[in-house]
Protein backbone atom coordinates (compact mmCIF):
# COMPACT_ATOMS: atom_id res chain seq x y z
CA MET A 1 60.74 -14.69 68.88
CA HIS A 2 57.01 -14.02 69.23
CA CYS A 3 56.90 -10.29 68.59
CA GLY A 4 56.28 -10.25 64.84
CA VAL A 5 52.94 -8.46 65.19
CA TYR A 6 54.59 -5.78 67.31
CA PHE A 7 57.25 -5.15 64.66
CA PHE A 8 54.60 -5.15 61.91
CA ILE A 9 52.51 -2.51 63.68
CA ALA A 10 55.64 -0.49 64.51
CA ALA A 11 56.67 -0.54 60.84
CA LEU A 12 53.21 0.58 59.73
CA SER A 13 53.23 3.39 62.29
CA PHE A 14 56.67 4.53 61.14
CA LEU A 15 55.60 4.50 57.48
CA ALA A 16 52.43 6.47 58.28
CA PHE A 17 54.43 9.07 60.21
CA PHE A 18 57.11 9.28 57.49
CA THR A 19 54.48 9.59 54.76
CA SER A 20 52.66 12.36 56.61
CA ILE A 21 55.88 14.38 56.62
CA ILE A 22 56.81 13.77 52.96
CA ILE A 23 53.43 14.13 51.21
CA PRO A 24 52.21 17.75 51.13
CA GLU A 25 48.89 18.68 52.67
CA THR A 26 46.30 19.46 50.01
CA SER A 27 42.98 19.25 51.89
CA SER A 28 42.26 22.99 51.78
CA THR A 29 43.83 23.58 48.36
CA PRO A 30 41.62 23.89 45.25
CA LEU A 31 42.00 21.24 42.57
CA GLU A 32 43.47 23.71 40.08
CA ALA A 33 46.26 24.62 42.51
CA VAL A 34 47.02 20.95 43.12
CA ASN A 35 47.28 20.41 39.36
CA ARG A 36 49.74 23.31 39.14
CA LEU A 37 51.76 21.83 42.02
CA PHE A 38 52.21 18.46 40.34
CA LYS A 39 52.49 19.67 36.76
CA ASP A 40 54.98 17.66 34.70
CA GLU A 41 56.13 20.64 32.64
CA GLN A 42 58.39 21.96 35.39
CA GLU A 43 62.08 21.34 35.03
CA PRO A 44 63.42 19.02 37.73
CA VAL A 45 66.10 20.47 39.95
CA ASP A 46 69.38 18.70 39.37
CA ASN A 47 72.14 19.71 41.74
CA SER A 48 74.35 16.72 41.01
CA ASN A 49 76.70 18.79 38.81
CA ALA A 50 76.61 21.92 40.96
CA GLU A 51 79.92 23.43 41.88
CA THR A 52 80.68 23.35 45.56
CA LYS A 53 82.38 26.26 47.22
CA PRO A 54 85.26 25.42 49.57
């Protein structure tokens, strides 16, 4: 099988596309707003023990 380079480039393209969806856009956001976005003092959302309605 001689298509290793093809699969490598396909994997990199997929990761770039996936990363562009997951990571928020911050190019036009001031640095102070970015710091507020990623502040560690916020409580993480934990829905693992949430009650589900039937």
